[in-house]
Amino acid sequence: MVSLLISLAVLLIGYIVYGRIIESIFAPDGRTTPAVSKNDGVDFVPMKSWKAFLIQLLNIAGTGPIFGALMGAVFGPVVFIWIVLGSILGGAVHDYMSGMISLRHDGASIAELSGSYLGRAVKAIMRVFSVVLLVLCGTVFVTSPAGLLSRLTPDWMNGTFWAVVILIYYLLATLLPIDKLIGKLYPIFGVLLIVMAATVIGGIIFSGGRYVIPEITLENLHPEGTPV
């Protein structure tokens, strides 16, 4: 439990301290966002701040709560270091900077931004890379939830069934205006994610010692537990 509490404290400190350092380099300047300046009622639609926060929270977390737990089970409490330092020094900075640069280029994608700064050849390469990466990510974000849901539902709702359901949802979310489906469902999922995390932590704290979180050590870090 001490390692968990320290990790939470470091994340909070990283958000406050390192976040301010990054913001001092690249801070919001009050300019109109593409959601307002390019409002087309489909891809660019203004939303309330709390909705945008929950949507981004869900986008960033993804299946992290699932695979994070699996990594912890395989590699042990050393994943506290990966998650904490990776979130502060890598993930948070990358997502913030990418978002800010995109905002200042009318909501352009990574491929378009690469072309603006590095030329047409890089733009073409990034487009191909983006498509491949989207296919890989899409596969993970279909198969992993489908597999999990199939274990929690009746036998006739197998992995194939849930994969088809998720694919239909993806198609609708892509074709419909951003505020019609994503803007309504994602905030709900975001709230559920927060409730899930709070419930798990609360269950561990108030379990009366039934569930124990291992502390970070520098021993037995190999997945099979072989001393190194």
Protein backbone atom coordinates (compact mmCIF):
# COMPACT_ATOMS: atom_id res chain seq x y z
CA MET A 1 0.00 0.00 0.00
CA VAL A 2 2.91 2.35 0.70
CA SER A 3 4.12 1.99 -2.90
CA LEU A 4 0.63 2.77 -4.22
CA LEU A 5 0.29 5.87 -2.05
CA ILE A 6 3.75 7.09 -3.01
CA SER A 7 2.94 6.52 -6.69
CA LEU A 8 -0.28 8.53 -6.39
CA ALA A 9 1.62 11.31 -4.61
CA VAL A 10 4.33 11.38 -7.30
CA LEU A 11 1.68 11.55 -10.03
CA LEU A 12 0.04 14.49 -8.27
CA ILE A 13 3.37 16.26 -7.76
CA GLY A 14 4.31 15.60 -11.39
CA TYR A 15 1.01 17.10 -12.53
CA ILE A 16 1.49 20.23 -10.43
CA VAL A 17 5.23 20.81 -10.82
CA TYR A 18 6.22 19.31 -14.18
CA GLY A 19 2.88 20.31 -15.63
CA ARG A 20 3.62 23.95 -14.84
CA ILE A 21 7.05 23.66 -16.43
CA ILE A 22 5.55 22.32 -19.65
CA GLU A 23 2.80 24.93 -19.57
CA SER A 24 5.38 27.70 -19.21
CA ILE A 25 6.92 26.47 -22.47
CA PHE A 26 3.69 25.97 -24.38
CA ALA A 27 0.69 27.52 -22.66
CA PRO A 28 -2.87 28.17 -23.85
CA ASP A 29 -3.11 31.74 -25.07
CA GLY A 30 -6.86 32.27 -25.27
CA ARG A 31 -7.15 31.97 -29.04
CA THR A 32 -10.34 30.50 -30.51
CA THR A 33 -10.21 26.72 -30.81
CA PRO A 34 -11.01 24.88 -34.08
CA ALA A 35 -14.21 23.55 -32.49
CA VAL A 36 -15.49 27.13 -32.59
CA SER A 37 -13.67 28.64 -35.56
CA LYS A 38 -14.37 25.63 -37.83
CA ASN A 39 -17.68 24.55 -36.31
CA ASP A 40 -19.26 22.36 -39.00
CA GLY A 41 -21.65 20.42 -36.79
CA VAL A 42 -19.89 17.13 -37.59
CA ASP A 43 -16.18 16.89 -36.76
CA PHE A 44 -15.77 20.31 -35.13
CA VAL A 45 -18.37 20.91 -32.44
CA PRO A 46 -17.99 22.93 -29.21
CA MET A 47 -18.59 20.96 -26.02
CA LYS A 48 -18.74 21.72 -22.34
CA SER A 49 -15.39 21.49 -20.55
CA TRP A 50 -16.43 18.60 -18.30
CA LYS A 51 -17.55 16.58 -21.30
CA ALA A 52 -14.31 17.22 -23.15
CA PHE A 53 -12.37 16.23 -20.01
CA LEU A 54 -14.19 12.91 -19.63
CA ILE A 55 -13.87 12.12 -23.34
CA GLN A 56 -10.13 12.79 -23.29
CA LEU A 57 -9.76 10.80 -20.07
CA LEU A 58 -11.37 7.80 -21.73
CA ASN A 59 -9.36 8.25 -24.93
CA ILE A 60 -6.08 8.36 -23.03
CA ALA A 61 -6.89 5.54 -20.60
CA GLY A 62 -8.29 3.18 -23.26
CA THR A 63 -7.77 -0.40 -22.17
CA GLY A 64 -5.03 0.68 -19.77
CA PRO A 65 -7.05 -0.35 -16.68
CA ILE A 66 -7.19 -3.86 -18.14
CA PHE A 67 -3.65 -4.29 -19.44
CA GLY A 68 -2.13 -2.31 -16.58
CA ALA A 69 -3.48 -4.85 -14.14
CA LEU A 70 -2.21 -7.70 -16.35
CA MET A 71 1.26 -6.17 -16.49
CA GLY A 72 1.22 -5.85 -12.72
CA ALA A 73 0.29 -9.52 -12.39
CA VAL A 74 3.10 -10.55 -14.75
CA PHE A 75 5.92 -8.22 -13.76
CA GLY A 76 4.96 -7.36 -10.21
CA PRO A 77 4.98 -3.99 -8.43
CA VAL A 78 7.87 -2.69 -10.56
CA VAL A 79 5.12 -1.52 -12.96
CA PHE A 80 4.47 1.29 -10.47
CA ILE A 81 7.70 2.82 -11.77
CA TRP A 82 6.77 2.32 -15.42
CA ILE A 83 3.31 3.76 -15.05
CA VAL A 84 4.26 6.75 -12.91
CA LEU A 85 7.39 7.86 -14.75
CA GLY A 86 5.95 6.96 -18.15
CA SER A 87 2.80 8.98 -17.48
CA ILE A 88 4.64 12.05 -16.23
CA LEU A 89 7.63 12.18 -18.55
CA GLY A 90 6.16 10.55 -21.66
CA GLY A 91 2.43 10.15 -22.05
CA ALA A 92 1.25 13.38 -20.47
CA VAL A 93 3.80 15.57 -22.26
CA HIS A 94 3.24 13.85 -25.61
CA ASP A 95 -0.54 14.17 -25.47
CA TYR A 96 -0.47 17.76 -24.24
CA MET A 97 2.07 18.95 -26.80
CA SER A 98 0.41 17.09 -29.68
CA GLY A 99 -2.95 18.55 -28.75
CA MET A 100 -1.61 22.09 -28.43
CA ILE A 101 0.22 21.94 -31.76
CA SER A 102 -2.88 20.56 -33.45
CA LEU A 103 -5.03 23.31 -31.93
CA ARG A 104 -2.74 25.94 -33.42
CA HIS A 105 -3.00 24.31 -36.83
CA ASP A 106 -6.81 24.23 -37.01
CA GLY A 107 -7.10 20.71 -35.59
CA ALA A 108 -4.72 19.11 -38.10
CA SER A 109 -3.75 15.44 -37.72
CA ILE A 110 -0.26 14.19 -36.93
CA ALA A 111 0.34 13.37 -40.61
CA GLU A 112 -0.67 16.89 -41.67
CA LEU A 113 1.52 18.44 -38.98
CA SER A 114 4.48 16.32 -40.07
CA GLY A 115 4.02 17.57 -43.62
CA SER A 116 3.86 21.19 -42.48
CA TYR A 117 7.21 20.98 -40.71
CA LEU A 118 9.10 18.18 -42.49
CA GLY A 119 7.84 18.21 -46.08
CA ARG A 120 5.63 16.17 -48.40
CA ALA A 121 7.72 12.98 -48.28
CA VAL A 122 7.44 12.75 -44.50
CA LYS A 123 3.75 13.60 -44.75
CA ALA A 124 3.18 10.64 -47.10
CA ILE A 125 5.17 8.32 -44.83
CA MET A 126 3.24 9.46 -41.77
CA ARG A 127 -0.07 8.89 -43.55
CA VAL A 128 0.87 5.27 -44.26
CA PHE A 129 2.21 4.84 -40.74
CA SER A 130 -0.95 6.37 -39.27
CA VAL A 131 -3.19 4.01 -41.23
CA VAL A 132 -1.16 0.96 -40.12
CA LEU A 133 -1.13 2.18 -36.53
CA LEU A 134 -4.86 2.86 -36.58
CA VAL A 135 -5.52 -0.66 -37.85
CA LEU A 136 -3.37 -2.14 -35.08
CA CYS A 137 -4.95 0.05 -32.39
CA GLY A 138 -8.42 -0.62 -33.76
CA THR A 139 -7.77 -4.36 -33.58
CA VAL A 140 -6.69 -4.13 -29.95
CA PHE A 141 -9.61 -1.88 -29.00
CA VAL A 142 -12.04 -4.34 -30.60
CA THR A 143 -10.64 -7.71 -29.56
CA SER A 144 -9.67 -6.91 -25.98
CA PRO A 145 -13.06 -5.48 -24.86
CA ALA A 146 -14.84 -8.18 -26.87
CA GLY A 147 -12.87 -10.90 -25.13
CA LEU A 148 -13.55 -9.39 -21.73
CA LEU A 149 -17.28 -8.92 -22.35
CA SER A 150 -17.64 -12.47 -23.67
CA ARG A 151 -16.45 -13.78 -20.30
CA LEU A 152 -19.02 -11.69 -18.44
CA THR A 153 -22.06 -12.49 -20.59
CA PRO A 154 -24.02 -15.63 -21.65
CA ASP A 155 -22.30 -18.13 -23.94
CA TRP A 156 -24.17 -17.01 -27.07
CA MET A 157 -22.63 -13.57 -26.62
CA ASN A 158 -19.19 -14.78 -27.62
CA GLY A 159 -16.16 -12.80 -28.74
CA THR A 160 -17.39 -12.62 -32.34
CA PHE A 161 -20.74 -11.19 -31.25
CA TRP A 162 -19.15 -8.44 -29.19
CA ALA A 163 -16.56 -7.70 -31.88
CA VAL A 164 -19.38 -7.07 -34.37
CA VAL A 165 -21.21 -4.86 -31.85
CA ILE A 166 -18.08 -2.81 -31.21
CA LEU A 167 -17.34 -2.48 -34.93
CA ILE A 168 -20.88 -1.22 -35.55
CA TYR A 169 -20.40 1.30 -32.76
CA TYR A 170 -17.09 2.45 -34.29
CA LEU A 171 -18.73 2.95 -37.68
CA LEU A 172 -21.60 4.95 -36.18
CA ALA A 173 -19.21 7.03 -34.05
CA THR A 174 -17.18 7.79 -37.18
CA LEU A 175 -20.10 8.70 -39.43
CA LEU A 176 -22.33 10.59 -36.98
CA PRO A 177 -21.55 14.12 -35.69
CA ILE A 178 -19.11 14.06 -32.80
CA ASP A 179 -21.70 15.28 -30.29
CA LYS A 180 -24.42 12.78 -31.21
CA LEU A 181 -22.83 9.53 -30.06
CA ILE A 182 -19.34 10.10 -28.68
CA GLY A 183 -20.43 13.28 -26.92
CA LYS A 184 -23.20 11.39 -25.12
CA LEU A 185 -21.69 7.97 -24.41
CA TYR A 186 -18.03 8.76 -23.73
CA PRO A 187 -18.73 10.99 -20.70
CA ILE A 188 -20.77 8.15 -19.18
CA PHE A 189 -17.93 5.68 -19.77
CA GLY A 190 -15.49 8.22 -18.34
CA VAL A 191 -17.52 8.49 -15.14
CA LEU A 192 -17.70 4.69 -14.93
CA LEU A 193 -13.92 4.53 -15.31
CA ILE A 194 -13.42 6.93 -12.41
CA VAL A 195 -15.96 5.06 -10.27
CA MET A 196 -14.25 1.76 -11.11
CA ALA A 197 -10.83 3.05 -10.07
CA ALA A 198 -12.19 4.56 -6.85
CA THR A 199 -14.08 1.35 -6.06
CA VAL A 200 -11.04 -0.86 -6.59
CA ILE A 201 -8.85 1.34 -4.39
CA GLY A 202 -11.58 1.59 -1.75
CA GLY A 203 -12.09 -2.18 -1.82
CA ILE A 204 -8.39 -2.74 -1.23
CA ILE A 205 -8.16 -0.18 1.58
CA PHE A 206 -11.26 -1.40 3.40
CA SER A 207 -10.79 -5.13 2.78
CA GLY A 208 -9.32 -5.62 6.24
CA GLY A 209 -6.04 -6.93 4.86
CA ARG A 210 -7.71 -9.49 2.62
CA TYR A 211 -6.10 -7.95 -0.45
CA VAL A 212 -2.52 -6.77 -0.19
CA ILE A 213 -0.64 -4.69 -2.77
CA PRO A 214 3.02 -5.80 -2.97
CA GLU A 215 5.63 -3.13 -2.37
CA ILE A 216 8.22 -2.07 -4.94
CA THR A 217 11.47 -4.05 -4.69
CA LEU A 218 14.50 -4.54 -6.92
CA GLU A 219 14.34 -8.32 -6.61
CA ASN A 220 12.69 -11.01 -8.76
CA LEU A 221 11.81 -8.60 -11.57
CA HIS A 222 11.78 -11.30 -14.25
CA PRO A 223 8.24 -12.32 -15.37
CA GLU A 224 8.84 -15.93 -14.29
CA GLY A 225 10.10 -14.79 -10.92
CA THR A 226 13.67 -15.94 -11.52
CA PRO A 227 16.10 -13.96 -9.33
CA VAL A 228 18.33 -11.60 -11.31
